[in-house]
Amino acid sequence: MTEATPAPLPDLAELLALRGAAQGLRLASRITGRAARRGVHASAQRGRGVEFQEVRPYVPGDDPRSIDWRVTARRGRPHTKLFREERERPVWLLVNLSPLLFFGTRRQLKSALVVRAAALLAWVAALGGDRVGAVIAGTPISTQPSPLAGTSSPSTVRIVPPRGREAGVPPLLEALLALQPVGPPAASAALAAPTQPMHEALRMLATLARPGSSVLAISDFAELDETQQTHYAALGVSCDCRLFWITDPLEERSLPDGSFRAGVSGRVRRLDGQRLRPRWLAAWRERETRVLQLARRTAASLVRLDTSAAAEEVLRAWLPARATAA
């Protein structure tokens, strides 16, 4: 059931255009403790490090070990090497594109909002100088069911390795589009346990994210269970985790009074809004409790993105503006 016709599925042109919305925004680090001391951003201080910066004339107080003897001999007076400590931060997007997110009652589907939010966050990270990659749990378009087929392939997890600057964004956008659902799941897929792809994605990410990485998890967390909670908590020990919770107004408010046809292809049934409401709202409160608990266990910030609002509207209010040079 939908109360409004959702917008078309996002395409590459739309996701590339989100670069403009990302201008001036940044991902402020929230890392604390040991992970912060291992920080992964470029340091503004000039000192001994791993990335050569420049050579300049020696001044009193410079470390004698940094003297460039070849330049000193060539120019006839002492010169010292300057280094910039390399602390580039890898940003990992953990993206849930389960076919079960092909649902929405407002301006867009939940799966479309996931794609748009992930694309915008990728642009923000890249424009801020971070290396951005992704672990995406979804179903390839080439193997998804047609509306008449009634069959579905197993979900797939795809890894997009982090790449520096803006070069890493287009492959990530293409992966998001290739894995976004293009139709509702068949009855067999909807009844199967939906947790396995995200379990696999979390296990993969645990081996990929080095200490100090930023992890941006984008999901509706409908399938969140104790196993996933444990995986997320382990990531939160050494990484800066943030949760982007995708919701739809109908999930929180329940069906209005009346009789409705609902379900997935091959399994449709009648629902009585008034009789169903107590159980519906109890299930919503249970999910909300699990998500809030996850945020506490991972010490993560929690941002709720609803299908009734554009991703850039919400994220622009949440993301701090990038400082501009005076």
Protein backbone atom coordinates (compact mmCIF):
# COMPACT_ATOMS: atom_id res chain seq x y z
CA MET A 1 0.00 0.00 0.00
CA THR A 2 1.24 3.46 -0.84
CA GLU A 3 -0.27 6.83 -0.04
CA ALA A 4 1.68 8.65 -2.73
CA THR A 5 3.56 7.63 -5.83
CA PRO A 6 7.27 7.50 -4.93
CA ALA A 7 9.81 9.31 -7.09
CA PRO A 8 11.61 7.29 -9.77
CA LEU A 9 14.61 5.24 -8.77
CA PRO A 10 17.82 7.28 -8.66
CA ASP A 11 20.09 7.13 -11.69
CA LEU A 12 23.74 7.98 -12.23
CA ALA A 13 23.05 11.53 -13.39
CA GLU A 14 21.15 12.29 -10.17
CA LEU A 15 23.86 10.78 -7.95
CA LEU A 16 26.62 12.69 -9.75
CA ALA A 17 24.63 15.90 -9.31
CA LEU A 18 24.64 15.38 -5.52
CA ARG A 19 28.24 16.56 -5.61
CA GLY A 20 26.85 20.08 -5.62
CA ALA A 21 24.78 19.44 -2.49
CA ALA A 22 27.90 18.09 -0.75
CA GLN A 23 29.91 21.27 -1.35
CA GLY A 24 30.90 22.96 1.90
CA LEU A 25 29.92 20.04 4.16
CA ARG A 26 32.28 17.82 6.11
CA LEU A 27 32.38 14.72 8.29
CA ALA A 28 33.67 15.92 11.64
CA SER A 29 35.62 13.23 13.45
CA ARG A 30 34.17 11.94 16.71
CA ILE A 31 36.97 9.46 17.44
CA THR A 32 38.16 9.32 21.02
CA GLY A 33 40.67 7.37 23.06
CA ARG A 34 43.24 5.09 21.48
CA ALA A 35 41.72 5.34 17.99
CA ALA A 36 41.99 9.12 18.13
CA ARG A 37 45.64 8.97 19.11
CA ARG A 38 46.17 6.89 16.00
CA GLY A 39 44.33 9.59 14.06
CA VAL A 40 44.08 9.26 10.35
CA HIS A 41 43.66 12.84 9.15
CA ALA A 42 46.49 14.91 7.71
CA SER A 43 48.17 16.77 10.50
CA ALA A 44 48.56 20.52 10.18
CA GLN A 45 51.85 20.27 12.06
CA ARG A 46 55.04 19.94 10.12
CA GLY A 47 57.42 17.39 11.52
CA ARG A 48 59.02 14.04 10.87
CA GLY A 49 56.46 11.78 9.22
CA VAL A 50 55.90 9.69 6.14
CA GLU A 51 55.04 12.26 3.46
CA PHE A 52 57.71 14.64 2.18
CA GLN A 53 56.56 18.26 2.13
CA GLU A 54 59.40 20.58 1.03
CA VAL A 55 62.97 21.76 1.63
CA ARG A 56 63.67 25.17 3.13
CA PRO A 57 66.65 26.96 4.71
CA TYR A 58 67.57 25.69 8.16
CA VAL A 59 66.53 27.90 11.08
CA PRO A 60 67.57 27.57 14.74
CA GLY A 61 65.39 25.00 16.48
CA ASP A 62 65.00 22.69 13.47
CA ASP A 63 65.83 19.03 14.09
CA PRO A 64 69.40 18.47 12.84
CA ARG A 65 68.38 14.98 11.76
CA SER A 66 66.17 16.57 9.10
CA ILE A 67 69.00 18.44 7.36
CA ASP A 68 69.12 17.70 3.63
CA TRP A 69 72.85 17.33 3.13
CA ARG A 70 72.71 17.19 -0.66
CA VAL A 71 70.82 20.47 -0.93
CA THR A 72 73.04 21.95 1.79
CA ALA A 73 76.19 21.04 -0.17
CA ARG A 74 74.74 22.31 -3.44
CA ARG A 75 73.53 25.66 -2.08
CA GLY A 76 76.31 26.29 0.39
CA ARG A 77 74.12 26.76 3.47
CA PRO A 78 72.07 24.37 5.64
CA HIS A 79 68.64 23.30 4.39
CA THR A 80 66.14 21.09 6.21
CA LYS A 81 63.47 18.71 5.03
CA LEU A 82 59.90 19.22 6.12
CA PHE A 83 57.39 16.40 6.31
CA ARG A 84 53.64 16.20 6.63
CA GLU A 85 52.41 13.36 8.80
CA GLU A 86 50.13 11.25 6.66
CA ARG A 87 46.86 10.74 8.53
CA GLU A 88 44.35 10.28 5.75
CA ARG A 89 41.10 8.77 7.06
CA PRO A 90 39.42 5.87 5.30
CA VAL A 91 35.63 6.30 5.26
CA TRP A 92 33.61 3.11 4.83
CA LEU A 93 29.94 3.15 3.86
CA LEU A 94 28.08 0.09 5.14
CA VAL A 95 24.97 0.00 2.96
CA ASN A 96 21.89 -2.21 3.29
CA LEU A 97 20.08 -2.54 -0.05
CA SER A 98 17.95 -5.57 0.77
CA PRO A 99 14.95 -6.05 -1.56
CA LEU A 100 12.80 -5.64 1.56
CA LEU A 101 13.63 -1.91 1.44
CA PHE A 102 11.70 -1.59 -1.83
CA PHE A 103 8.90 0.12 0.05
CA GLY A 104 7.73 3.68 0.61
CA THR A 105 4.56 5.68 1.21
CA ARG A 106 5.84 9.20 0.63
CA ARG A 107 8.18 10.86 -1.85
CA GLN A 108 10.61 7.97 -2.31
CA LEU A 109 11.26 4.32 -1.56
CA LYS A 110 13.40 3.40 1.42
CA SER A 111 15.91 1.74 -0.92
CA ALA A 112 16.09 4.89 -3.06
CA LEU A 113 16.71 6.99 0.05
CA VAL A 114 19.53 4.62 1.04
CA VAL A 115 21.16 5.10 -2.37
CA ARG A 116 20.81 8.89 -2.28
CA ALA A 117 22.10 9.20 1.29
CA ALA A 118 25.07 6.94 0.55
CA ALA A 119 25.94 8.93 -2.58
CA LEU A 120 25.76 12.25 -0.76
CA LEU A 121 27.90 11.01 2.14
CA ALA A 122 30.44 9.63 -0.34
CA TRP A 123 30.73 13.03 -2.00
CA VAL A 124 31.07 14.79 1.36
CA ALA A 125 33.87 12.44 2.40
CA ALA A 126 35.71 12.71 -0.92
CA LEU A 127 35.48 16.50 -1.11
CA GLY A 128 36.82 16.61 2.45
CA GLY A 129 39.96 14.75 1.37
CA ASP A 130 39.05 11.34 2.76
CA ARG A 131 39.40 7.99 1.00
CA VAL A 132 35.92 6.56 0.56
CA GLY A 133 34.88 2.95 0.00
CA ALA A 134 31.83 0.80 0.64
CA VAL A 135 30.55 -2.61 1.64
CA ILE A 136 27.11 -3.02 0.06
CA ALA A 137 24.58 -5.78 0.74
CA GLY A 138 22.07 -6.00 -2.08
CA THR A 139 20.90 -7.85 -5.16
CA PRO A 140 22.46 -7.24 -8.60
CA ILE A 141 20.01 -5.77 -11.10
CA SER A 142 20.92 -8.40 -13.70
CA THR A 143 19.68 -11.18 -11.39
CA GLN A 144 16.68 -9.49 -9.81
CA PRO A 145 13.21 -10.83 -10.62
CA SER A 146 10.97 -9.26 -13.21
CA PRO A 147 7.50 -8.32 -11.94
CA LEU A 148 6.14 -11.50 -13.59
CA ALA A 149 8.96 -13.91 -12.83
CA GLY A 150 8.17 -14.58 -9.18
CA THR A 151 11.73 -15.71 -8.46
CA SER A 152 14.66 -14.06 -6.81
CA SER A 153 18.41 -14.62 -6.53
CA PRO A 154 20.35 -14.70 -3.27
CA SER A 155 21.57 -11.37 -1.99
CA THR A 156 25.15 -10.36 -2.70
CA VAL A 157 27.75 -8.35 -0.83
CA ARG A 158 30.02 -6.13 -2.90
CA ILE A 159 33.18 -4.36 -1.73
CA VAL A 160 34.25 -1.05 -3.27
CA PRO A 161 37.83 -0.42 -2.03
CA PRO A 162 38.57 3.08 -0.71
CA ARG A 163 40.19 5.43 -3.19
CA GLY A 164 41.58 8.87 -2.66
CA ARG A 165 39.72 12.06 -3.38
CA GLU A 166 36.91 12.11 -5.94
CA ALA A 167 38.28 9.20 -7.98
CA GLY A 168 36.67 6.75 -5.60
CA VAL A 169 33.13 8.09 -5.89
CA PRO A 170 31.98 7.09 -9.43
CA PRO A 171 32.72 3.34 -8.94
CA LEU A 172 30.86 3.50 -5.63
CA LEU A 173 27.84 5.16 -7.26
CA GLU A 174 27.79 2.54 -10.00
CA ALA A 175 27.85 -0.23 -7.37
CA LEU A 176 24.94 1.35 -5.50
CA LEU A 177 22.87 1.52 -8.68
CA ALA A 178 23.78 -2.03 -9.69
CA LEU A 179 22.67 -3.41 -6.31
CA GLN A 180 19.58 -1.33 -5.60
CA PRO A 181 16.34 -3.37 -5.74
CA VAL A 182 14.15 -2.68 -8.76
CA GLY A 183 11.08 -4.50 -7.48
CA PRO A 184 9.60 -6.06 -4.36
CA PRO A 185 10.93 -9.45 -3.29
CA ALA A 186 9.11 -12.62 -4.18
CA ALA A 187 7.24 -14.38 -1.40
CA SER A 188 10.02 -16.94 -0.94
CA ALA A 189 12.61 -14.21 -0.45
CA ALA A 190 10.40 -12.18 1.87
CA LEU A 191 9.79 -15.16 4.12
CA ALA A 192 13.46 -16.17 4.26
CA ALA A 193 15.68 -14.84 7.03
CA PRO A 194 16.93 -11.43 5.78
CA THR A 195 19.89 -11.20 8.11
CA GLN A 196 22.57 -13.14 6.25
CA PRO A 197 23.74 -10.49 3.73
CA MET A 198 24.24 -7.87 6.45
CA HIS A 199 25.94 -10.44 8.68
CA GLU A 200 28.36 -11.14 5.83
CA ALA A 201 28.83 -7.43 5.14
CA LEU A 202 29.65 -6.72 8.78
CA ARG A 203 32.14 -9.60 8.92
CA MET A 204 33.84 -8.33 5.78
CA LEU A 205 34.00 -4.78 7.07
CA ALA A 206 35.56 -5.96 10.34
CA THR A 207 38.53 -7.27 8.36
CA LEU A 208 38.79 -4.16 6.17
CA ALA A 209 38.33 -1.21 8.53
CA ARG A 210 41.58 -0.32 10.22
CA PRO A 211 41.61 1.50 13.57
CA GLY A 212 40.57 5.11 13.17
CA SER A 213 38.39 4.48 10.14
CA SER A 214 35.00 6.15 9.89
CA VAL A 215 32.09 3.76 9.38
CA LEU A 216 28.78 5.17 8.12
CA ALA A 217 26.06 2.52 8.37
CA ILE A 218 22.93 3.18 6.28
CA SER A 219 20.03 0.81 6.90
CA ASP A 220 16.48 0.53 8.16
CA PHE A 221 17.85 -1.89 10.82
CA ALA A 222 14.66 -3.97 10.52
CA GLU A 223 16.74 -7.16 10.62
CA LEU A 224 19.00 -6.03 13.46
CA ASP A 225 19.62 -8.93 15.84
CA GLU A 226 22.08 -9.73 18.62
CA THR A 227 24.68 -11.09 16.19
CA GLN A 228 24.69 -7.86 14.24
CA GLN A 229 24.73 -5.85 17.47
CA THR A 230 27.92 -7.70 18.43
CA HIS A 231 29.55 -7.01 15.06
CA TYR A 232 28.66 -3.32 15.27
CA ALA A 233 29.95 -3.08 18.85
CA ALA A 234 33.30 -4.58 17.79
CA LEU A 235 33.61 -1.98 15.04
CA GLY A 236 32.79 0.77 17.55
CA VAL A 237 35.83 -0.13 19.67
CA SER A 238 38.34 1.16 17.12
CA CYS A 239 36.27 3.03 14.51
CA ASP A 240 34.18 6.18 14.42
CA CYS A 241 30.71 4.73 13.77
CA ARG A 242 27.62 6.66 12.73
CA LEU A 243 24.19 5.23 12.10
CA PHE A 244 21.76 6.51 9.46
CA TRP A 245 18.35 5.02 10.18
CA ILE A 246 16.04 4.83 7.16
CA THR A 247 12.33 4.96 8.04
CA ASP A 248 8.91 5.50 6.49
CA PRO A 249 6.02 7.31 8.22
CA LEU A 250 3.71 4.30 7.87
CA GLU A 251 6.11 2.15 9.90
CA GLU A 252 5.81 4.44 12.90
CA ARG A 253 2.12 5.39 12.64
CA SER A 254 0.59 2.08 11.51
CA LEU A 255 -2.28 1.65 9.09
CA PRO A 256 -5.36 3.85 9.42
CA ASP A 257 -8.74 2.30 10.11
CA GLY A 258 -10.09 0.20 7.30
CA SER A 259 -9.28 -2.90 5.27
CA PHE A 260 -6.17 -3.06 3.10
CA ARG A 261 -4.48 -5.50 0.73
CA ALA A 262 -0.79 -5.86 1.54
CA GLY A 263 2.08 -8.23 0.97
CA VAL A 264 4.57 -9.24 -1.69
CA SER A 265 4.23 -10.94 -5.05
CA GLY A 266 2.57 -14.31 -4.57
CA ARG A 267 1.53 -13.63 -0.96
CA VAL A 268 -1.10 -10.91 -0.52
CA ARG A 269 -3.54 -10.76 2.37
CA ARG A 270 -6.17 -8.49 3.87
CA LEU A 271 -5.24 -6.35 6.87
CA ASP A 272 -7.61 -4.63 9.29
CA GLY A 273 -5.93 -1.38 10.35
CA GLN A 274 -7.71 -1.03 13.68
CA ARG A 275 -7.17 -4.62 14.82
CA LEU A 276 -3.56 -4.71 13.66
CA ARG A 277 -2.50 -1.37 15.19
CA PRO A 278 -1.50 -2.52 18.74
CA ARG A 279 0.85 -5.22 17.41
CA TRP A 280 2.15 -2.94 14.67
CA LEU A 281 3.04 -0.16 17.12
CA ALA A 282 4.57 -2.64 19.57
CA ALA A 283 6.82 -3.99 16.79
CA TRP A 284 7.85 -0.42 15.91
CA ARG A 285 8.73 0.39 19.52
CA GLU A 286 10.79 -2.79 19.70
CA ARG A 287 12.74 -1.82 16.60
CA GLU A 288 13.27 1.70 17.90
CA THR A 289 14.60 0.29 21.18
CA ARG A 290 17.05 -1.98 19.32
CA VAL A 291 18.36 0.89 17.20
CA LEU A 292 18.83 3.18 20.21
CA GLN A 293 20.59 0.37 22.04
CA LEU A 294 22.89 -0.11 19.06
CA ALA A 295 23.79 3.59 19.09
CA ARG A 296 24.70 3.36 22.78
CA ARG A 297 26.76 0.17 22.37
CA THR A 298 28.80 1.64 19.53
CA ALA A 299 28.97 5.19 20.97
CA ALA A 300 27.62 6.25 17.58
CA SER A 301 25.63 9.28 16.54
CA LEU A 302 22.20 8.39 15.18
CA VAL A 303 20.58 10.25 12.29
CA ARG A 304 17.07 9.37 11.18
CA LEU A 305 16.28 9.75 7.49
CA ASP A 306 12.62 9.50 6.54
CA THR A 307 11.21 8.84 3.08
CA SER A 308 9.12 12.01 3.40
CA ALA A 309 12.22 14.26 3.17
CA ALA A 310 15.11 14.59 0.76
CA ALA A 311 18.38 13.16 2.04
CA GLU A 312 20.25 16.40 1.42
CA GLU A 313 17.78 18.40 3.52
CA VAL A 314 18.33 16.26 6.60
CA LEU A 315 22.06 15.73 6.17
CA ARG A 316 22.73 19.41 5.51
CA ALA A 317 21.29 20.18 8.94
CA TRP A 318 23.33 17.41 10.58
CA LEU A 319 26.71 17.75 8.85
CA PRO A 320 28.88 20.70 9.96
CA ALA A 321 29.94 23.23 7.39
CA ARG A 322 33.51 22.97 6.18
CA ALA A 323 35.71 25.84 7.31
CA THR A 324 36.73 28.21 4.53
CA ALA A 325 40.04 29.95 4.21
CA ALA A 326 40.11 33.52 5.44
